[in-house]
């Protein structure tokens, strides 16, 4: 079993999102060569870049932080549960990779926003399940 690295995780998520290094770099505000350096393990991203990578690729910022800076593991794991609670709707709409991968349209986002107002949705990817259910019902 190979050890999971920051670079391999970012490359895997980028490939899954069908993004080139250049597209990811444009989305997060760096040069493509910087993305290549991170993926190859030759650079560690800053905390602000970790946040942008997390938002763009839909990855857990805490996991990225620990992979980039293992010395931060105690701080990340020692956090309170309230600090880990983030509104799933905000995480969903800020996940450009997920929205692109599932070709979610603006009208569909409007419907999902209404769903989120009815009752909290536990996880951002649950919105994809809800959307696929709506899409299937519309086809019937």
N, C-alpha and C. Protein backbone atom coordinates (compact mmCIF):
# COMPACT_ATOMS: atom_id res chain seq x y z
N UNK A 1 0.84 -1.18 0.00
CA UNK A 1 0.00 0.00 0.00
C UNK A 1 0.89 1.25 0.00
N UNK A 2 0.64 2.13 -0.93
CA UNK A 2 1.46 3.33 -1.02
C UNK A 2 0.95 4.40 -0.07
N UNK A 3 1.88 5.19 0.41
CA UNK A 3 1.54 6.28 1.33
C UNK A 3 0.87 7.40 0.55
N UNK A 4 -0.23 7.89 1.09
CA UNK A 4 -0.95 8.98 0.45
C UNK A 4 -0.18 10.27 0.66
N UNK A 5 0.06 10.98 -0.43
CA UNK A 5 0.78 12.24 -0.33
C UNK A 5 -0.12 13.38 -0.79
N UNK A 6 0.28 14.57 -0.43
CA UNK A 6 -0.47 15.76 -0.87
C UNK A 6 -0.52 15.81 -2.39
N UNK A 7 0.62 15.61 -3.03
CA UNK A 7 0.67 15.67 -4.48
C UNK A 7 -0.22 14.66 -5.16
N UNK A 8 -0.20 13.42 -4.67
CA UNK A 8 -1.03 12.38 -5.29
C UNK A 8 -2.52 12.66 -5.08
N UNK A 9 -2.87 13.19 -3.91
CA UNK A 9 -4.27 13.51 -3.64
C UNK A 9 -4.75 14.63 -4.56
N UNK A 10 -3.95 15.67 -4.72
CA UNK A 10 -4.33 16.79 -5.58
C UNK A 10 -4.42 16.33 -7.04
N UNK A 11 -3.44 15.55 -7.49
CA UNK A 11 -3.46 15.07 -8.87
C UNK A 11 -4.69 14.19 -9.12
N UNK A 12 -4.99 13.31 -8.18
CA UNK A 12 -6.15 12.43 -8.32
C UNK A 12 -7.44 13.25 -8.41
N UNK A 13 -7.59 14.24 -7.54
CA UNK A 13 -8.80 15.08 -7.54
C UNK A 13 -8.87 15.92 -8.82
N UNK A 14 -7.74 16.42 -9.26
CA UNK A 14 -7.70 17.22 -10.49
C UNK A 14 -8.06 16.36 -11.70
N UNK A 15 -7.51 15.15 -11.76
CA UNK A 15 -7.84 14.23 -12.86
C UNK A 15 -9.32 13.85 -12.83
N UNK A 16 -9.84 13.62 -11.63
CA UNK A 16 -11.25 13.26 -11.49
C UNK A 16 -12.15 14.40 -11.97
N UNK A 17 -11.70 15.63 -11.76
CA UNK A 17 -12.46 16.81 -12.20
C UNK A 17 -12.21 17.12 -13.67
N UNK A 18 -11.35 16.32 -14.30
CA UNK A 18 -11.01 16.51 -15.71
C UNK A 18 -10.45 17.92 -15.95
N UNK A 19 -9.54 18.30 -15.06
CA UNK A 19 -8.90 19.60 -15.18
C UNK A 19 -7.42 19.40 -15.50
N UNK A 20 -6.90 20.28 -16.31
CA UNK A 20 -5.46 20.28 -16.55
C UNK A 20 -4.78 21.05 -15.42
N UNK A 21 -3.47 20.92 -15.33
CA UNK A 21 -2.75 21.70 -14.33
C UNK A 21 -2.95 23.19 -14.58
N UNK A 22 -3.00 23.59 -15.82
CA UNK A 22 -3.21 24.99 -16.16
C UNK A 22 -4.59 25.48 -15.71
N UNK A 23 -5.62 24.67 -15.94
CA UNK A 23 -6.98 25.06 -15.52
C UNK A 23 -7.06 25.19 -14.00
N UNK A 24 -6.47 24.23 -13.29
CA UNK A 24 -6.47 24.32 -11.84
C UNK A 24 -5.70 25.55 -11.40
N UNK A 25 -4.55 25.78 -12.00
CA UNK A 25 -3.73 26.94 -11.65
C UNK A 25 -4.51 28.24 -11.85
N UNK A 26 -5.22 28.35 -12.96
CA UNK A 26 -6.04 29.55 -13.22
C UNK A 26 -7.10 29.73 -12.15
N UNK A 27 -7.74 28.62 -11.76
CA UNK A 27 -8.80 28.68 -10.75
C UNK A 27 -8.29 29.10 -9.37
N UNK A 28 -7.05 28.72 -9.04
CA UNK A 28 -6.55 29.00 -7.69
C UNK A 28 -5.56 30.17 -7.66
N UNK A 29 -5.28 30.75 -8.83
CA UNK A 29 -4.45 31.94 -8.88
C UNK A 29 -2.96 31.73 -8.78
N UNK A 30 -2.46 30.64 -9.35
CA UNK A 30 -1.01 30.40 -9.39
C UNK A 30 -0.63 29.98 -10.81
N UNK A 31 0.67 29.80 -11.04
CA UNK A 31 1.14 29.32 -12.34
C UNK A 31 1.01 27.80 -12.39
N UNK A 32 0.85 27.27 -13.60
CA UNK A 32 0.74 25.82 -13.78
C UNK A 32 1.97 25.10 -13.24
N UNK A 33 3.13 25.73 -13.36
CA UNK A 33 4.35 25.09 -12.85
C UNK A 33 4.28 24.91 -11.33
N UNK A 34 3.59 25.82 -10.64
CA UNK A 34 3.47 25.70 -9.18
C UNK A 34 2.62 24.47 -8.84
N UNK A 35 1.53 24.26 -9.60
CA UNK A 35 0.70 23.07 -9.40
C UNK A 35 1.55 21.82 -9.65
N UNK A 36 2.36 21.83 -10.69
CA UNK A 36 3.22 20.68 -11.00
C UNK A 36 4.20 20.43 -9.85
N UNK A 37 4.78 21.49 -9.30
CA UNK A 37 5.71 21.34 -8.17
C UNK A 37 5.01 20.74 -6.95
N UNK A 38 3.79 21.17 -6.68
CA UNK A 38 3.04 20.64 -5.54
C UNK A 38 2.73 19.16 -5.77
N UNK A 39 2.26 18.83 -6.98
CA UNK A 39 1.91 17.44 -7.28
C UNK A 39 3.13 16.52 -7.22
N UNK A 40 4.29 17.04 -7.55
CA UNK A 40 5.51 16.21 -7.52
C UNK A 40 6.16 16.19 -6.15
N UNK A 41 5.63 16.96 -5.22
CA UNK A 41 6.17 16.97 -3.86
C UNK A 41 7.34 17.92 -3.67
N UNK A 42 7.59 18.79 -4.65
CA UNK A 42 8.71 19.72 -4.56
C UNK A 42 8.35 21.05 -3.89
N UNK A 43 7.08 21.28 -3.64
CA UNK A 43 6.63 22.50 -2.97
C UNK A 43 5.51 22.17 -2.00
N UNK A 44 5.45 22.96 -0.92
CA UNK A 44 4.34 22.88 0.02
C UNK A 44 3.49 24.13 -0.15
N UNK A 45 2.18 23.97 -0.33
CA UNK A 45 1.33 25.15 -0.51
C UNK A 45 1.16 25.91 0.81
N UNK A 46 0.94 27.21 0.68
CA UNK A 46 0.63 28.03 1.84
C UNK A 46 -0.77 27.67 2.34
N UNK A 47 -1.10 28.15 3.51
CA UNK A 47 -2.43 27.87 4.06
C UNK A 47 -3.52 28.47 3.17
N UNK A 48 -3.30 29.68 2.67
CA UNK A 48 -4.32 30.28 1.80
C UNK A 48 -4.47 29.48 0.50
N UNK A 49 -3.36 28.94 -0.01
CA UNK A 49 -3.44 28.11 -1.21
C UNK A 49 -4.11 26.78 -0.90
N UNK A 50 -3.87 26.23 0.28
CA UNK A 50 -4.56 25.01 0.70
C UNK A 50 -6.06 25.25 0.70
N UNK A 51 -6.49 26.39 1.21
CA UNK A 51 -7.93 26.71 1.21
C UNK A 51 -8.49 26.79 -0.20
N UNK A 52 -7.75 27.43 -1.11
CA UNK A 52 -8.23 27.55 -2.49
C UNK A 52 -8.27 26.18 -3.18
N UNK A 53 -7.25 25.35 -2.92
CA UNK A 53 -7.25 23.99 -3.48
C UNK A 53 -8.44 23.20 -2.95
N UNK A 54 -8.69 23.33 -1.66
CA UNK A 54 -9.79 22.62 -1.03
C UNK A 54 -11.13 23.01 -1.65
N UNK A 55 -11.34 24.30 -1.81
CA UNK A 55 -12.60 24.79 -2.37
C UNK A 55 -12.76 24.39 -3.83
N UNK A 56 -11.70 24.51 -4.60
CA UNK A 56 -11.77 24.24 -6.03
C UNK A 56 -11.93 22.75 -6.32
N UNK A 57 -11.23 21.90 -5.57
CA UNK A 57 -11.25 20.47 -5.85
C UNK A 57 -12.21 19.69 -4.95
N UNK A 58 -12.83 20.39 -3.99
CA UNK A 58 -13.76 19.70 -3.10
C UNK A 58 -13.09 18.76 -2.14
N UNK A 59 -11.89 19.13 -1.70
CA UNK A 59 -11.13 18.29 -0.77
C UNK A 59 -11.22 18.87 0.64
N UNK A 60 -10.92 18.04 1.61
CA UNK A 60 -10.93 18.45 3.01
C UNK A 60 -9.68 19.28 3.29
N UNK A 61 -9.88 20.54 3.67
CA UNK A 61 -8.75 21.44 3.92
C UNK A 61 -7.87 20.93 5.06
N UNK A 62 -8.46 20.35 6.07
CA UNK A 62 -7.69 19.81 7.19
C UNK A 62 -6.76 18.69 6.74
N UNK A 63 -7.27 17.81 5.89
CA UNK A 63 -6.43 16.71 5.38
C UNK A 63 -5.29 17.26 4.53
N UNK A 64 -5.59 18.26 3.70
CA UNK A 64 -4.54 18.87 2.89
C UNK A 64 -3.48 19.52 3.77
N UNK A 65 -3.93 20.21 4.81
CA UNK A 65 -3.00 20.88 5.72
C UNK A 65 -2.07 19.87 6.39
N UNK A 66 -2.63 18.76 6.86
CA UNK A 66 -1.82 17.75 7.54
C UNK A 66 -0.86 17.08 6.57
N UNK A 67 -1.30 16.84 5.33
CA UNK A 67 -0.40 16.24 4.35
C UNK A 67 0.74 17.21 3.98
N UNK A 68 0.43 18.50 3.90
CA UNK A 68 1.45 19.49 3.56
C UNK A 68 2.36 19.79 4.74
N UNK A 69 1.78 19.81 5.94
CA UNK A 69 2.51 20.17 7.15
C UNK A 69 2.15 19.18 8.26
N UNK A 70 2.78 18.00 8.27
CA UNK A 70 2.43 16.96 9.24
C UNK A 70 2.48 17.44 10.70
N UNK A 71 3.30 18.44 10.97
CA UNK A 71 3.40 18.96 12.33
C UNK A 71 2.10 19.62 12.79
N UNK A 72 1.18 19.90 11.87
CA UNK A 72 -0.10 20.53 12.22
C UNK A 72 -1.16 19.51 12.62
N UNK A 73 -0.83 18.23 12.56
CA UNK A 73 -1.82 17.18 12.82
C UNK A 73 -2.48 17.33 14.19
N UNK A 74 -1.70 17.59 15.23
CA UNK A 74 -2.26 17.75 16.56
C UNK A 74 -3.21 18.92 16.66
N UNK A 75 -2.91 19.98 15.96
CA UNK A 75 -3.78 21.16 15.98
C UNK A 75 -5.08 20.85 15.27
N UNK A 76 -4.99 20.21 14.10
CA UNK A 76 -6.18 19.90 13.31
C UNK A 76 -7.06 18.90 14.05
N UNK A 77 -6.48 17.86 14.60
CA UNK A 77 -7.26 16.83 15.28
C UNK A 77 -7.77 17.30 16.64
N UNK A 78 -7.11 18.28 17.22
CA UNK A 78 -7.53 18.79 18.52
C UNK A 78 -8.62 19.83 18.46
N UNK A 79 -9.05 20.20 17.24
CA UNK A 79 -10.08 21.22 17.09
C UNK A 79 -11.42 20.75 17.63
N UNK A 80 -12.28 21.71 17.92
CA UNK A 80 -13.61 21.39 18.45
C UNK A 80 -14.54 20.98 17.32
N UNK A 81 -15.56 20.24 17.65
CA UNK A 81 -16.50 19.79 16.63
C UNK A 81 -17.24 20.98 16.03
N UNK A 82 -17.47 22.04 16.81
CA UNK A 82 -18.16 23.20 16.26
C UNK A 82 -17.31 23.89 15.21
N UNK A 83 -15.99 23.82 15.35
CA UNK A 83 -15.11 24.41 14.35
C UNK A 83 -15.15 23.60 13.07
N UNK A 84 -15.44 22.32 13.15
CA UNK A 84 -15.50 21.47 11.97
C UNK A 84 -16.83 21.58 11.24
N UNK A 85 -17.84 22.11 11.91
CA UNK A 85 -19.14 22.25 11.28
C UNK A 85 -19.12 23.39 10.28
N UNK A 86 -19.37 23.06 9.04
CA UNK A 86 -19.45 24.06 7.99
C UNK A 86 -20.75 23.80 7.25
N UNK A 87 -21.43 24.85 6.89
CA UNK A 87 -22.70 24.71 6.18
C UNK A 87 -22.50 23.91 4.90
N UNK A 88 -23.21 22.80 4.76
CA UNK A 88 -23.01 21.93 3.60
C UNK A 88 -23.42 22.62 2.30
N UNK A 89 -24.40 23.52 2.35
CA UNK A 89 -24.79 24.24 1.14
C UNK A 89 -23.63 25.09 0.63
N UNK A 90 -22.98 25.81 1.53
CA UNK A 90 -21.85 26.65 1.14
C UNK A 90 -20.71 25.80 0.59
N UNK A 91 -20.46 24.67 1.22
CA UNK A 91 -19.40 23.78 0.73
C UNK A 91 -19.77 23.23 -0.65
N UNK A 92 -21.04 22.93 -0.85
CA UNK A 92 -21.50 22.39 -2.13
C UNK A 92 -21.34 23.42 -3.25
N UNK A 93 -21.85 24.63 -3.05
CA UNK A 93 -21.80 25.61 -4.14
C UNK A 93 -20.40 26.14 -4.39
N UNK A 94 -19.52 26.01 -3.41
CA UNK A 94 -18.15 26.47 -3.63
C UNK A 94 -17.26 25.38 -4.24
N UNK A 95 -17.79 24.18 -4.37
CA UNK A 95 -17.02 23.07 -4.94
C UNK A 95 -17.17 23.08 -6.47
N UNK A 96 -16.34 23.88 -7.12
CA UNK A 96 -16.41 24.04 -8.57
C UNK A 96 -16.22 22.72 -9.30
N UNK A 97 -15.35 21.88 -8.78
CA UNK A 97 -15.07 20.60 -9.39
C UNK A 97 -16.33 19.73 -9.42
N UNK A 98 -17.01 19.65 -8.30
CA UNK A 98 -18.22 18.84 -8.20
C UNK A 98 -19.31 19.39 -9.12
N UNK A 99 -19.50 20.69 -9.13
CA UNK A 99 -20.53 21.31 -9.98
C UNK A 99 -20.24 21.05 -11.46
N UNK A 100 -18.97 21.16 -11.82
CA UNK A 100 -18.57 20.94 -13.21
C UNK A 100 -18.73 19.47 -13.58
N UNK A 101 -18.29 18.58 -12.69
CA UNK A 101 -18.33 17.14 -12.97
C UNK A 101 -19.75 16.64 -13.21
N UNK A 102 -20.72 17.23 -12.49
CA UNK A 102 -22.11 16.78 -12.62
C UNK A 102 -22.95 17.71 -13.50
N UNK A 103 -22.30 18.66 -14.17
CA UNK A 103 -22.96 19.58 -15.11
C UNK A 103 -24.22 20.20 -14.49
N UNK A 104 -24.06 20.74 -13.30
CA UNK A 104 -25.20 21.31 -12.58
C UNK A 104 -25.47 22.71 -13.11
N UNK A 105 -26.71 22.93 -13.53
CA UNK A 105 -27.10 24.20 -14.13
C UNK A 105 -27.57 25.18 -13.07
N UNK A 106 -27.67 26.44 -13.46
CA UNK A 106 -28.14 27.49 -12.54
C UNK A 106 -29.56 27.19 -12.03
N UNK A 107 -30.52 26.83 -12.92
CA UNK A 107 -31.87 26.50 -12.41
C UNK A 107 -31.85 25.33 -11.42
N UNK A 108 -30.97 24.35 -11.66
CA UNK A 108 -30.86 23.23 -10.72
C UNK A 108 -30.31 23.70 -9.38
N UNK A 109 -29.35 24.61 -9.42
CA UNK A 109 -28.84 25.18 -8.16
C UNK A 109 -29.93 25.91 -7.41
N UNK A 110 -30.79 26.61 -8.13
CA UNK A 110 -31.90 27.32 -7.49
C UNK A 110 -32.83 26.35 -6.76
N UNK A 111 -33.13 25.22 -7.41
CA UNK A 111 -33.99 24.21 -6.78
C UNK A 111 -33.30 23.61 -5.55
N UNK A 112 -32.03 23.29 -5.68
CA UNK A 112 -31.29 22.70 -4.56
C UNK A 112 -31.18 23.68 -3.40
N UNK A 113 -31.08 24.96 -3.69
CA UNK A 113 -31.04 25.97 -2.63
C UNK A 113 -32.35 25.93 -1.84
N UNK A 114 -33.46 25.79 -2.54
CA UNK A 114 -34.77 25.69 -1.87
C UNK A 114 -34.82 24.43 -0.99
N UNK A 115 -34.27 23.34 -1.50
CA UNK A 115 -34.21 22.10 -0.72
C UNK A 115 -33.41 22.33 0.55
N UNK A 116 -32.30 23.04 0.43
CA UNK A 116 -31.44 23.27 1.60
C UNK A 116 -32.15 24.12 2.65
N UNK A 117 -33.08 24.94 2.22
CA UNK A 117 -33.81 25.79 3.17
C UNK A 117 -34.89 25.00 3.92
N UNK A 118 -35.35 23.90 3.34
CA UNK A 118 -36.36 23.07 4.00
C UNK A 118 -35.82 22.39 5.25
N UNK A 119 -34.64 21.82 5.11
CA UNK A 119 -34.02 21.09 6.20
C UNK A 119 -32.53 20.98 5.90
N UNK A 120 -31.69 21.05 6.91
CA UNK A 120 -30.26 20.95 6.63
C UNK A 120 -29.90 19.64 5.95
N UNK A 121 -29.02 19.72 4.97
CA UNK A 121 -28.51 18.55 4.28
C UNK A 121 -27.16 18.23 4.91
N UNK A 122 -26.96 16.98 5.30
CA UNK A 122 -25.81 16.60 6.11
C UNK A 122 -24.47 16.75 5.42
N UNK A 123 -24.41 16.47 4.13
CA UNK A 123 -23.12 16.47 3.43
C UNK A 123 -23.31 17.08 2.05
N UNK A 124 -22.33 17.84 1.56
CA UNK A 124 -22.47 18.47 0.26
C UNK A 124 -22.78 17.50 -0.89
N UNK A 125 -22.21 16.31 -0.84
CA UNK A 125 -22.47 15.36 -1.93
C UNK A 125 -23.89 14.79 -1.90
N UNK A 126 -24.61 14.99 -0.80
CA UNK A 126 -26.00 14.57 -0.76
C UNK A 126 -26.84 15.40 -1.73
N UNK A 127 -26.40 16.63 -2.02
CA UNK A 127 -27.11 17.45 -3.00
C UNK A 127 -27.06 16.79 -4.38
N UNK A 128 -25.98 16.10 -4.70
CA UNK A 128 -25.87 15.40 -5.97
C UNK A 128 -26.90 14.28 -6.03
N UNK A 129 -27.06 13.55 -4.94
CA UNK A 129 -28.07 12.49 -4.89
C UNK A 129 -29.47 13.09 -5.09
N UNK A 130 -29.76 14.17 -4.39
CA UNK A 130 -31.06 14.83 -4.53
C UNK A 130 -31.27 15.26 -5.97
N UNK A 131 -30.26 15.89 -6.56
CA UNK A 131 -30.37 16.36 -7.94
C UNK A 131 -30.59 15.20 -8.91
N UNK A 132 -29.84 14.12 -8.75
CA UNK A 132 -30.02 12.97 -9.64
C UNK A 132 -31.40 12.36 -9.49
N UNK A 133 -31.94 12.37 -8.27
CA UNK A 133 -33.31 11.90 -8.06
C UNK A 133 -34.30 12.78 -8.79
N UNK A 134 -34.12 14.09 -8.70
CA UNK A 134 -35.00 15.03 -9.42
C UNK A 134 -34.87 14.83 -10.92
N UNK A 135 -33.65 14.67 -11.42
CA UNK A 135 -33.44 14.45 -12.86
C UNK A 135 -34.13 13.18 -13.33
N UNK A 136 -34.03 12.09 -12.55
CA UNK A 136 -34.70 10.84 -12.92
C UNK A 136 -36.20 11.00 -12.92
N UNK A 137 -36.73 11.70 -11.93
CA UNK A 137 -38.20 11.92 -11.87
C UNK A 137 -38.68 12.74 -13.06
N UNK A 138 -37.89 13.69 -13.50
CA UNK A 138 -38.26 14.52 -14.63
C UNK A 138 -38.29 13.74 -15.94
N UNK A 139 -37.43 12.71 -16.04
CA UNK A 139 -37.38 11.87 -17.23
C UNK A 139 -38.59 10.93 -17.33
N UNK A 140 -39.16 10.58 -16.17
CA UNK A 140 -40.25 9.59 -16.14
C UNK A 140 -41.56 10.15 -16.67
